[in-house]
Structures are given as C-alpha cells and as structure tokens.
Amino acid sequence: MNTHFALVTGASSGIGLALAQGLAKRGFNLLIVSNEQSIHTRAGELRQTYPELTVIPLVRDLSLQTAARELYEYTRTQEIEIEVLVNNAGVYHDRDILDDSEAFTSLILNLHMYTPAMLCYLFGQDMRKRRHGYIMNICSVTSKIIAQRLGTYASTKSFLAAFTRSLHIELKPFGVYVTNVSPGAVDTGLYNIRPWMTKAGKCLGIIASPEMLSRRALRALFHGRSKVTIPAVFWHLLTFIILLIPTWLLRLIRRMKLF
C-alpha cells in the first residue's frame, strides 16, 4: 500500500470535501476526518471515482483537546505518512460573545485554534525531518475584521492566520510549504443565502464555489504561497474599508441595530 496520504479535516461536505476531491484528482491517498457519520458515504463515493486510491474515513470530534494527539498516533500505528495536512474543520458563527454557552465557546476555541495548531506541530515535526510536506490552514477574511458578533469567530481565525504565517516562515527552508487560505463567502449553504443571491454573488465574483476555491487553494499550496484570499478583489476591498471604521462608529451602528 502506498503510505503517502493527504489528511483533510472537516471533509464530509463543503470546502473540505472539495479539497479532498481535488487532492484525490492529484493522486493522493486520503485520510478524511469529520464528526459526522456521512464521512463514510463520502469515502465510498471517492473510492468509486478513484478506485486506484486508498480512502480512509474517520469519525472524530476535533473539538476535544485529545483529538490531535489521537489522530497523530492513529497514523503512526497504521504506518500512514502524511504528506499533505489540511486543517479545514470549523464552524461559522456570528453572535455576541457572552450570549454563547460555555460549551460552545470551548468548542470553537479548540476547533479553530488548539487542534489545528497541535496537528501542525505534530505532523510538522515529521515533515521537517523529511524536508518535505505541505500544510494548508483554512482561515478566513474575517481574521482582520474584529467587530461585534464576530468576536469569537474572527479572533480564532486571526490566531490561525498569525500562526500559519509564522509556520510558513519557519518551515519553508526545510522544504515544507505552509499556506493560509482565507475564504470570503463560499457557496456551502452555511450562510442561508437565497439561491438567486448566491447566483448573483457568483456572477459578480463575490461568492466562490467550493470547487473553485479548491482549485485555487491547492494551486497556491503546491506553489509554496504563504497566503491566498478567495475570491480576492471584492474581499480585499471590503476588508480595507472595514478597517477604516473607527470604534465609536461601530458602537453607533450597534445602537442603531444595523448589525
């Protein structure tokens, strides 16, 4: 068995599934992880499309602080060498920080920061020794947008973006490429946008399809880029405008219940 694998978290749907499909198309065996049982169905579909590849599904709760170590030990026990690590698992969220439950706050902090950082740490050690490997962290354009209702989500993505940049600088001399993929709006059904608005957003280049994101993200990863924003132009412009808004104006917007 070819022991060289790509590990993709959150691969049962959306961006993670599209990235798993893109990696399979490039000839990588897959270890796909999700907290949903449907990951087994996705694995079956991938095997049908790519019968020459090995596809292993795992159901894991990656919000647990033991998850990264357990996943790493699984690959060692099974003698699976991870050549590509994709940290994609996450939850979108826009709510006031103190309106969340303690359980959810712990979940999002672990899922967006602790687990991906530890997976990078553990698998990154092996990649550095081999002087070869690829790590992709799915961050977000909101990592630069720290405002009300996005406090927890944007802050956790901000940590992941900063962590990824540092890791890119540290590991590139060892032949290990680390890329921050920062999506804007992606057509995954996550945002409950009406179909006509999604179609219009795609036409205007504001909303990306998971497939388009996968193509651009993987191209950036294998070309050794440190960061890619998808879609780029609109979200770069919007982020720049938002950064110019002073705090007092954000407080006024909140009082007026505009956001």
C-alpha atoms as a PDB file:
ATOM      1  CA  MET A   1       0.000   0.000   0.000  1.00  0.00           C
ATOM      2  CA  ASN A   2       1.195   3.491  -0.830  1.00  0.00           C
ATOM      3  CA  THR A   3       1.671   5.034   2.609  1.00  0.00           C
ATOM      4  CA  HIS A   4       1.753   8.663   1.433  1.00  0.00           C
ATOM      5  CA  PHE A   5      -1.511  10.384   2.337  1.00  0.00           C
ATOM      6  CA  ALA A   6      -3.281  13.705   2.460  1.00  0.00           C
ATOM      7  CA  LEU A   7      -5.168  14.309   5.714  1.00  0.00           C
ATOM      8  CA  VAL A   8      -8.237  16.544   5.404  1.00  0.00           C
ATOM      9  CA  THR A   9     -10.345  17.525   8.416  1.00  0.00           C
ATOM     10  CA  GLY A  10     -13.980  18.543   8.085  1.00  0.00           C
ATOM     11  CA  ALA A  11     -14.160  16.597   4.819  1.00  0.00           C
ATOM     12  CA  SER A  12     -17.777  15.403   4.868  1.00  0.00           C
ATOM     13  CA  SER A  13     -19.111  18.422   2.945  1.00  0.00           C
ATOM     14  CA  GLY A  14     -18.402  21.875   1.547  1.00  0.00           C
ATOM     15  CA  ILE A  15     -14.836  23.148   1.333  1.00  0.00           C
ATOM     16  CA  GLY A  16     -13.310  20.090   2.997  1.00  0.00           C
ATOM     17  CA  LEU A  17     -14.975  17.662   0.596  1.00  0.00           C
ATOM     18  CA  ALA A  18     -13.963  19.760  -2.417  1.00  0.00           C
ATOM     19  CA  LEU A  19     -10.352  19.812  -1.197  1.00  0.00           C
ATOM     20  CA  ALA A  20     -10.395  16.047  -0.660  1.00  0.00           C
ATOM     21  CA  GLN A  21     -11.699  15.597  -4.214  1.00  0.00           C
ATOM     22  CA  GLY A  22      -9.041  17.952  -5.545  1.00  0.00           C
ATOM     23  CA  LEU A  23      -6.270  16.073  -3.756  1.00  0.00           C
ATOM     24  CA  ALA A  24      -7.594  12.732  -5.000  1.00  0.00           C
ATOM     25  CA  LYS A  25      -7.549  14.128  -8.533  1.00  0.00           C
ATOM     26  CA  ARG A  26      -3.858  14.894  -7.987  1.00  0.00           C
ATOM     27  CA  GLY A  27      -3.243  11.273  -6.995  1.00  0.00           C
ATOM     28  CA  PHE A  28      -3.119  11.483  -3.199  1.00  0.00           C
ATOM     29  CA  ASN A  29      -4.461   8.749  -0.975  1.00  0.00           C
ATOM     30  CA  LEU A  30      -6.817  10.219   1.594  1.00  0.00           C
ATOM     31  CA  LEU A  31      -7.400  10.152   5.326  1.00  0.00           C
ATOM     32  CA  ILE A  32     -10.622  12.142   5.712  1.00  0.00           C
ATOM     33  CA  VAL A  33     -11.946  13.160   9.121  1.00  0.00           C
ATOM     34  CA  SER A  34     -15.273  14.542  10.304  1.00  0.00           C
ATOM     35  CA  ASN A  35     -17.556  14.451  13.328  1.00  0.00           C
ATOM     36  CA  GLU A  36     -20.372  13.299  11.011  1.00  0.00           C
ATOM     37  CA  GLN A  37     -21.149   9.690  10.085  1.00  0.00           C
ATOM     38  CA  SER A  38     -21.660  10.815   6.485  1.00  0.00           C
ATOM     39  CA  ILE A  39     -17.872  10.782   6.119  1.00  0.00           C
ATOM     40  CA  HIS A  40     -18.212   7.058   5.378  1.00  0.00           C
ATOM     41  CA  THR A  41     -20.562   7.811   2.482  1.00  0.00           C
ATOM     42  CA  ARG A  42     -18.146  10.432   1.113  1.00  0.00           C
ATOM     43  CA  ALA A  43     -15.325   7.901   1.344  1.00  0.00           C
ATOM     44  CA  GLY A  44     -17.348   5.381  -0.656  1.00  0.00           C
ATOM     45  CA  GLU A  45     -18.035   7.971  -3.340  1.00  0.00           C
ATOM     46  CA  LEU A  46     -14.356   8.885  -3.565  1.00  0.00           C
ATOM     47  CA  ARG A  47     -13.373   5.217  -3.863  1.00  0.00           C
ATOM     48  CA  GLN A  48     -15.818   4.762  -6.742  1.00  0.00           C
ATOM     49  CA  THR A  49     -14.384   7.764  -8.579  1.00  0.00           C
ATOM     50  CA  TYR A  50     -10.743   6.940  -7.780  1.00  0.00           C
ATOM     51  CA  PRO A  51     -10.557   3.131  -7.363  1.00  0.00           C
ATOM     52  CA  GLU A  52      -6.759   3.169  -7.530  1.00  0.00           C
ATOM     53  CA  LEU A  53      -6.533   5.239  -4.334  1.00  0.00           C
ATOM     54  CA  THR A  54      -6.870   4.342  -0.665  1.00  0.00           C
ATOM     55  CA  VAL A  55      -9.518   6.397   1.138  1.00  0.00           C
ATOM     56  CA  ILE A  56      -9.831   6.032   4.920  1.00  0.00           C
ATOM     57  CA  PRO A  57     -12.712   7.756   6.753  1.00  0.00           C
ATOM     58  CA  LEU A  58     -12.544   8.558  10.458  1.00  0.00           C
ATOM     59  CA  VAL A  59     -15.244   9.944  12.738  1.00  0.00           C
ATOM     60  CA  ARG A  60     -13.595  12.186  15.307  1.00  0.00           C
ATOM     61  CA  ASP A  61     -14.652  15.105  17.492  1.00  0.00           C
ATOM     62  CA  LEU A  62     -11.840  17.540  16.741  1.00  0.00           C
ATOM     63  CA  SER A  63     -13.037  19.991  19.383  1.00  0.00           C
ATOM     64  CA  LEU A  64     -11.564  17.722  22.076  1.00  0.00           C
ATOM     65  CA  GLN A  65      -8.067  18.623  23.271  1.00  0.00           C
ATOM     66  CA  THR A  66      -7.052  14.971  22.939  1.00  0.00           C
ATOM     67  CA  ALA A  67      -8.093  14.821  19.261  1.00  0.00           C
ATOM     68  CA  ALA A  68      -4.845  15.964  17.624  1.00  0.00           C
ATOM     69  CA  ARG A  69      -2.631  13.563  19.555  1.00  0.00           C
ATOM     70  CA  GLU A  70      -5.061  10.657  18.987  1.00  0.00           C
ATOM     71  CA  LEU A  71      -5.208  11.359  15.255  1.00  0.00           C
ATOM     72  CA  TYR A  72      -1.433  11.578  15.032  1.00  0.00           C
ATOM     73  CA  GLU A  73      -0.992   8.307  16.945  1.00  0.00           C
ATOM     74  CA  TYR A  74      -3.514   6.633  14.621  1.00  0.00           C
ATOM     75  CA  THR A  75      -1.354   7.480  11.601  1.00  0.00           C
ATOM     76  CA  ARG A  76       1.760   6.151  13.357  1.00  0.00           C
ATOM     77  CA  THR A  77       0.024   2.895  14.305  1.00  0.00           C
ATOM     78  CA  GLN A  78      -1.260   2.419  10.749  1.00  0.00           C
ATOM     79  CA  GLU A  79       2.113   3.447   9.255  1.00  0.00           C
ATOM     80  CA  ILE A  80       0.480   6.255   7.301  1.00  0.00           C
ATOM     81  CA  GLU A  81       2.814   9.059   6.255  1.00  0.00           C
ATOM     82  CA  ILE A  82       1.015  12.395   5.964  1.00  0.00           C
ATOM     83  CA  GLU A  83       2.462  14.379   3.083  1.00  0.00           C
ATOM     84  CA  VAL A  84      -0.344  16.960   2.992  1.00  0.00           C
ATOM     85  CA  LEU A  85      -2.184  18.265   6.057  1.00  0.00           C
ATOM     86  CA  VAL A  86      -5.354  20.302   5.515  1.00  0.00           C
ATOM     87  CA  ASN A  87      -6.868  21.893   8.634  1.00  0.00           C
ATOM     88  CA  ASN A  88     -10.372  22.745   7.461  1.00  0.00           C
ATOM     89  CA  ALA A  89     -12.744  21.676  10.255  1.00  0.00           C
ATOM     90  CA  GLY A  90     -14.592  24.597  11.783  1.00  0.00           C
ATOM     91  CA  VAL A  91     -17.922  26.296  12.446  1.00  0.00           C
ATOM     92  CA  TYR A  92     -19.165  29.627  11.141  1.00  0.00           C
ATOM     93  CA  HIS A  93     -20.523  31.870  13.857  1.00  0.00           C
ATOM     94  CA  ASP A  94     -21.859  35.395  14.364  1.00  0.00           C
ATOM     95  CA  ARG A  95     -23.212  36.089  17.825  1.00  0.00           C
ATOM     96  CA  ASP A  96     -22.329  38.213  20.832  1.00  0.00           C
ATOM     97  CA  ILE A  97     -19.579  36.551  22.828  1.00  0.00           C
ATOM     98  CA  LEU A  98     -21.450  36.406  26.149  1.00  0.00           C
ATOM     99  CA  ASP A  99     -24.612  35.036  24.543  1.00  0.00           C
ATOM    100  CA  ASP A 100     -22.841  31.768  23.734  1.00  0.00           C
ATOM    101  CA  SER A 101     -22.825  28.810  26.060  1.00  0.00           C
ATOM    102  CA  GLU A 102     -19.633  27.862  27.838  1.00  0.00           C
ATOM    103  CA  ALA A 103     -19.657  24.558  25.960  1.00  0.00           C
ATOM    104  CA  PHE A 104     -19.833  26.225  22.541  1.00  0.00           C
ATOM    105  CA  THR A 105     -17.140  28.736  23.432  1.00  0.00           C
ATOM    106  CA  SER A 106     -14.830  25.904  24.432  1.00  0.00           C
ATOM    107  CA  LEU A 107     -15.711  24.026  21.228  1.00  0.00           C
ATOM    108  CA  ILE A 108     -14.909  26.876  18.836  1.00  0.00           C
ATOM    109  CA  LEU A 109     -11.675  27.805  20.650  1.00  0.00           C
ATOM    110  CA  ASN A 110     -10.421  24.223  20.463  1.00  0.00           C
ATOM    111  CA  LEU A 111     -11.667  23.566  16.937  1.00  0.00           C
ATOM    112  CA  HIS A 112     -10.245  26.735  15.375  1.00  0.00           C
ATOM    113  CA  MET A 113      -7.049  27.103  17.403  1.00  0.00           C
ATOM    114  CA  TYR A 114      -5.870  24.268  19.642  1.00  0.00           C
ATOM    115  CA  THR A 115      -6.491  21.258  17.394  1.00  0.00           C
ATOM    116  CA  PRO A 116      -5.155  22.734  14.122  1.00  0.00           C
ATOM    117  CA  ALA A 117      -2.122  24.173  15.918  1.00  0.00           C
ATOM    118  CA  MET A 118      -1.328  20.823  17.519  1.00  0.00           C
ATOM    119  CA  LEU A 119      -1.836  18.951  14.240  1.00  0.00           C
ATOM    120  CA  CYS A 120       0.611  21.372  12.618  1.00  0.00           C
ATOM    121  CA  TYR A 121       3.029  20.837  15.497  1.00  0.00           C
ATOM    122  CA  LEU A 122       2.877  17.045  15.418  1.00  0.00           C
ATOM    123  CA  PHE A 123       2.834  16.429  11.666  1.00  0.00           C
ATOM    124  CA  GLY A 124       5.092  19.417  11.049  1.00  0.00           C
ATOM    125  CA  GLN A 125       7.836  17.736  13.093  1.00  0.00           C
ATOM    126  CA  ASP A 126       7.775  14.733  10.757  1.00  0.00           C
ATOM    127  CA  MET A 127       7.677  16.909   7.639  1.00  0.00           C
ATOM    128  CA  ARG A 128      10.646  18.929   8.831  1.00  0.00           C
ATOM    129  CA  LYS A 129      12.657  15.748   9.413  1.00  0.00           C
ATOM    130  CA  ARG A 130      11.788  14.504   5.902  1.00  0.00           C
ATOM    131  CA  ARG A 131      12.401  18.003   4.490  1.00  0.00           C
ATOM    132  CA  HIS A 132       9.196  17.727   2.526  1.00  0.00           C
ATOM    133  CA  GLY A 133       5.497  18.349   3.137  1.00  0.00           C
ATOM    134  CA  TYR A 134       2.532  20.663   2.731  1.00  0.00           C
ATOM    135  CA  ILE A 135       0.219  22.263   5.311  1.00  0.00           C
ATOM    136  CA  MET A 136      -2.930  24.198   4.444  1.00  0.00           C
ATOM    137  CA  ASN A 137      -4.866  26.052   7.132  1.00  0.00           C
ATOM    138  CA  ILE A 138      -8.329  27.321   6.230  1.00  0.00           C
ATOM    139  CA  CYS A 139      -8.507  30.726   7.874  1.00  0.00           C
ATOM    140  CA  SER A 140     -10.953  33.497   6.865  1.00  0.00           C
ATOM    141  CA  VAL A 141     -11.106  37.057   5.577  1.00  0.00           C
ATOM    142  CA  THR A 142     -12.747  37.849   8.921  1.00  0.00           C
ATOM    143  CA  SER A 143      -9.380  37.329  10.626  1.00  0.00           C
ATOM    144  CA  LYS A 144      -8.880  41.061  10.017  1.00  0.00           C
ATOM    145  CA  ILE A 145     -12.440  42.067  10.892  1.00  0.00           C
ATOM    146  CA  ILE A 146     -12.690  42.259  14.664  1.00  0.00           C
ATOM    147  CA  ALA A 147     -16.151  43.607  15.427  1.00  0.00           C
ATOM    148  CA  GLN A 148     -19.352  42.849  17.296  1.00  0.00           C
ATOM    149  CA  ARG A 149     -20.949  39.451  16.713  1.00  0.00           C
ATOM    150  CA  LEU A 150     -17.769  38.194  15.060  1.00  0.00           C
ATOM    151  CA  GLY A 151     -15.680  38.427  18.217  1.00  0.00           C
ATOM    152  CA  THR A 152     -15.106  34.721  18.833  1.00  0.00           C
ATOM    153  CA  TYR A 153     -15.112  33.556  15.211  1.00  0.00           C
ATOM    154  CA  ALA A 154     -12.865  36.287  13.815  1.00  0.00           C
ATOM    155  CA  SER A 155     -10.471  36.197  16.766  1.00  0.00           C
ATOM    156  CA  THR A 156      -9.914  32.448  16.493  1.00  0.00           C
ATOM    157  CA  LYS A 157      -9.329  32.802  12.748  1.00  0.00           C
ATOM    158  CA  SER A 158      -6.941  35.683  13.469  1.00  0.00           C
ATOM    159  CA  PHE A 159      -4.882  33.394  15.689  1.00  0.00           C
ATOM    160  CA  LEU A 160      -4.804  30.722  12.994  1.00  0.00           C
ATOM    161  CA  ALA A 161      -3.740  33.255  10.350  1.00  0.00           C
ATOM    162  CA  ALA A 162      -0.875  34.560  12.509  1.00  0.00           C
ATOM    163  CA  PHE A 163       0.167  31.037  13.459  1.00  0.00           C
ATOM    164  CA  THR A 164       0.178  29.982   9.800  1.00  0.00           C
ATOM    165  CA  ARG A 165       2.336  32.925   8.719  1.00  0.00           C
ATOM    166  CA  SER A 166       4.929  32.185  11.380  1.00  0.00           C
ATOM    167  CA  LEU A 167       4.947  28.493  10.482  1.00  0.00           C
ATOM    168  CA  HIS A 168       5.361  29.333   6.782  1.00  0.00           C
ATOM    169  CA  ILE A 169       8.493  31.356   7.577  1.00  0.00           C
ATOM    170  CA  GLU A 170       9.919  28.687   9.889  1.00  0.00           C
ATOM    171  CA  LEU A 171       9.353  25.659   7.667  1.00  0.00           C
ATOM    172  CA  LYS A 172       9.973  26.847   4.108  1.00  0.00           C
ATOM    173  CA  PRO A 173      13.778  26.454   4.434  1.00  0.00           C
ATOM    174  CA  PHE A 174      13.106  22.769   5.227  1.00  0.00           C
ATOM    175  CA  GLY A 175      11.068  22.165   2.072  1.00  0.00           C
ATOM    176  CA  VAL A 176       7.738  22.311   3.907  1.00  0.00           C
ATOM    177  CA  TYR A 177       5.163  24.689   2.439  1.00  0.00           C
ATOM    178  CA  VAL A 178       2.510  26.251   4.691  1.00  0.00           C
ATOM    179  CA  THR A 179      -0.386  28.212   3.204  1.00  0.00           C
ATOM    180  CA  ASN A 180      -3.120  30.375   4.722  1.00  0.00           C
ATOM    181  CA  VAL A 181      -6.288  30.022   2.642  1.00  0.00           C
ATOM    182  CA  SER A 182      -8.678  32.838   3.562  1.00  0.00           C
ATOM    183  CA  PRO A 183     -12.125  32.352   2.019  1.00  0.00           C
ATOM    184  CA  GLY A 184     -14.702  35.103   1.819  1.00  0.00           C
ATOM    185  CA  ALA A 185     -18.225  33.898   1.072  1.00  0.00           C
ATOM    186  CA  VAL A 186     -18.371  30.333  -0.257  1.00  0.00           C
ATOM    187  CA  ASP A 187     -21.438  28.558  -1.609  1.00  0.00           C
ATOM    188  CA  THR A 188     -21.692  25.831   1.012  1.00  0.00           C
ATOM    189  CA  GLY A 189     -25.191  26.550   2.353  1.00  0.00           C
ATOM    190  CA  LEU A 190     -23.597  27.739   5.576  1.00  0.00           C
ATOM    191  CA  TYR A 191     -24.889  31.298   5.366  1.00  0.00           C
ATOM    192  CA  ASN A 192     -28.538  30.558   4.437  1.00  0.00           C
ATOM    193  CA  ILE A 193     -28.342  32.890   1.424  1.00  0.00           C
ATOM    194  CA  ARG A 194     -31.247  32.785  -1.029  1.00  0.00           C
ATOM    195  CA  PRO A 195     -30.459  30.899  -4.277  1.00  0.00           C
ATOM    196  CA  TRP A 196     -30.820  33.965  -6.522  1.00  0.00           C
ATOM    197  CA  MET A 197     -28.464  35.951  -4.291  1.00  0.00           C
ATOM    198  CA  THR A 198     -25.911  33.125  -4.402  1.00  0.00           C
ATOM    199  CA  LYS A 199     -26.130  33.004  -8.194  1.00  0.00           C
ATOM    200  CA  ALA A 200     -25.705  36.782  -8.426  1.00  0.00           C
ATOM    201  CA  GLY A 201     -22.797  36.692  -5.984  1.00  0.00           C
ATOM    202  CA  LYS A 202     -21.010  34.087  -8.080  1.00  0.00           C
ATOM    203  CA  CYS A 203     -21.509  36.122 -11.256  1.00  0.00           C
ATOM    204  CA  LEU A 204     -20.083  39.205  -9.544  1.00  0.00           C
ATOM    205  CA  GLY A 205     -17.118  37.301  -8.124  1.00  0.00           C
ATOM    206  CA  ILE A 206     -18.243  37.856  -4.528  1.00  0.00           C
ATOM    207  CA  ILE A 207     -19.131  34.233  -3.758  1.00  0.00           C
ATOM    208  CA  ALA A 208     -16.896  31.282  -4.661  1.00  0.00           C
ATOM    209  CA  SER A 209     -17.941  27.707  -5.274  1.00  0.00           C
ATOM    210  CA  PRO A 210     -16.159  25.059  -3.167  1.00  0.00           C
ATOM    211  CA  GLU A 211     -14.707  23.597  -6.365  1.00  0.00           C
ATOM    212  CA  MET A 212     -13.231  26.913  -7.477  1.00  0.00           C
ATOM    213  CA  LEU A 213     -11.832  27.507  -4.015  1.00  0.00           C
ATOM    214  CA  SER A 214     -10.274  24.039  -4.003  1.00  0.00           C
ATOM    215  CA  ARG A 215      -8.529  24.600  -7.338  1.00  0.00           C
ATOM    216  CA  ARG A 216      -7.062  27.951  -6.314  1.00  0.00           C
ATOM    217  CA  ALA A 217      -6.173  26.842  -2.802  1.00  0.00           C
ATOM    218  CA  LEU A 218      -4.323  23.724  -3.951  1.00  0.00           C
ATOM    219  CA  ARG A 219      -2.517  25.643  -6.672  1.00  0.00           C
ATOM    220  CA  ALA A 220      -1.347  28.159  -4.057  1.00  0.00           C
ATOM    221  CA  LEU A 221      -0.286  25.378  -1.680  1.00  0.00           C
ATOM    222  CA  PHE A 222       1.794  23.453  -4.213  1.00  0.00           C
ATOM    223  CA  HIS A 223       3.391  26.662  -5.477  1.00  0.00           C
ATOM    224  CA  GLY A 224       4.525  27.487  -1.937  1.00  0.00           C
ATOM    225  CA  ARG A 225       2.466  30.654  -1.478  1.00  0.00           C
ATOM    226  CA  SER A 226       2.087  31.942   2.075  1.00  0.00           C
ATOM    227  CA  LYS A 227      -1.497  33.185   1.644  1.00  0.00           C
ATOM    228  CA  VAL A 228      -4.377  33.269  -0.816  1.00  0.00           C
ATOM    229  CA  THR A 229      -7.743  35.041  -0.443  1.00  0.00           C
ATOM    230  CA  ILE A 230     -10.687  33.551  -2.373  1.00  0.00           C
ATOM    231  CA  PRO A 231     -12.460  35.371  -4.002  1.00  0.00           C
ATOM    232  CA  ALA A 232      -9.814  38.082  -3.897  1.00  0.00           C
ATOM    233  CA  VAL A 233     -10.672  41.549  -5.242  1.00  0.00           C
ATOM    234  CA  PHE A 234     -14.030  42.225  -3.542  1.00  0.00           C
ATOM    235  CA  TRP A 235     -12.945  40.876  -0.164  1.00  0.00           C
ATOM    236  CA  HIS A 236      -9.621  42.709  -0.146  1.00  0.00           C
ATOM    237  CA  LEU A 237     -11.533  45.925  -0.826  1.00  0.00           C
ATOM    238  CA  LEU A 238     -14.226  45.234   1.778  1.00  0.00           C
ATOM    239  CA  THR A 239     -11.662  44.353   4.434  1.00  0.00           C
ATOM    240  CA  PHE A 240      -9.757  47.574   3.737  1.00  0.00           C
ATOM    241  CA  ILE A 241     -12.943  49.650   4.095  1.00  0.00           C
ATOM    242  CA  ILE A 242     -13.976  47.925   7.335  1.00  0.00           C
ATOM    243  CA  LEU A 243     -10.552  48.519   8.867  1.00  0.00           C
ATOM    244  CA  LEU A 244     -11.085  52.261   8.379  1.00  0.00           C
ATOM    245  CA  ILE A 245     -14.257  52.287  10.518  1.00  0.00           C
ATOM    246  CA  PRO A 246     -13.480  53.743  13.988  1.00  0.00           C
ATOM    247  CA  THR A 247     -14.658  52.022  17.149  1.00  0.00           C
ATOM    248  CA  TRP A 248     -17.083  54.821  18.042  1.00  0.00           C
ATOM    249  CA  LEU A 249     -18.851  54.330  14.707  1.00  0.00           C
ATOM    250  CA  LEU A 250     -19.101  50.586  15.299  1.00  0.00           C
ATOM    251  CA  ARG A 251     -20.739  51.319  18.666  1.00  0.00           C
ATOM    252  CA  LEU A 252     -23.222  53.657  16.921  1.00  0.00           C
ATOM    253  CA  ILE A 253     -24.011  51.005  14.311  1.00  0.00           C
ATOM    254  CA  ARG A 254     -24.711  48.580  17.128  1.00  0.00           C
ATOM    255  CA  ARG A 255     -27.000  51.003  18.978  1.00  0.00           C
ATOM    256  CA  MET A 256     -28.931  51.568  15.769  1.00  0.00           C
ATOM    257  CA  LYS A 257     -29.166  47.779  15.338  1.00  0.00           C
ATOM    258  CA  LEU A 258     -27.781  47.960  11.805  1.00  0.00           C
ATOM    259  CA  PHE A 259     -25.507  44.977  12.536  1.00  0.00           C
END
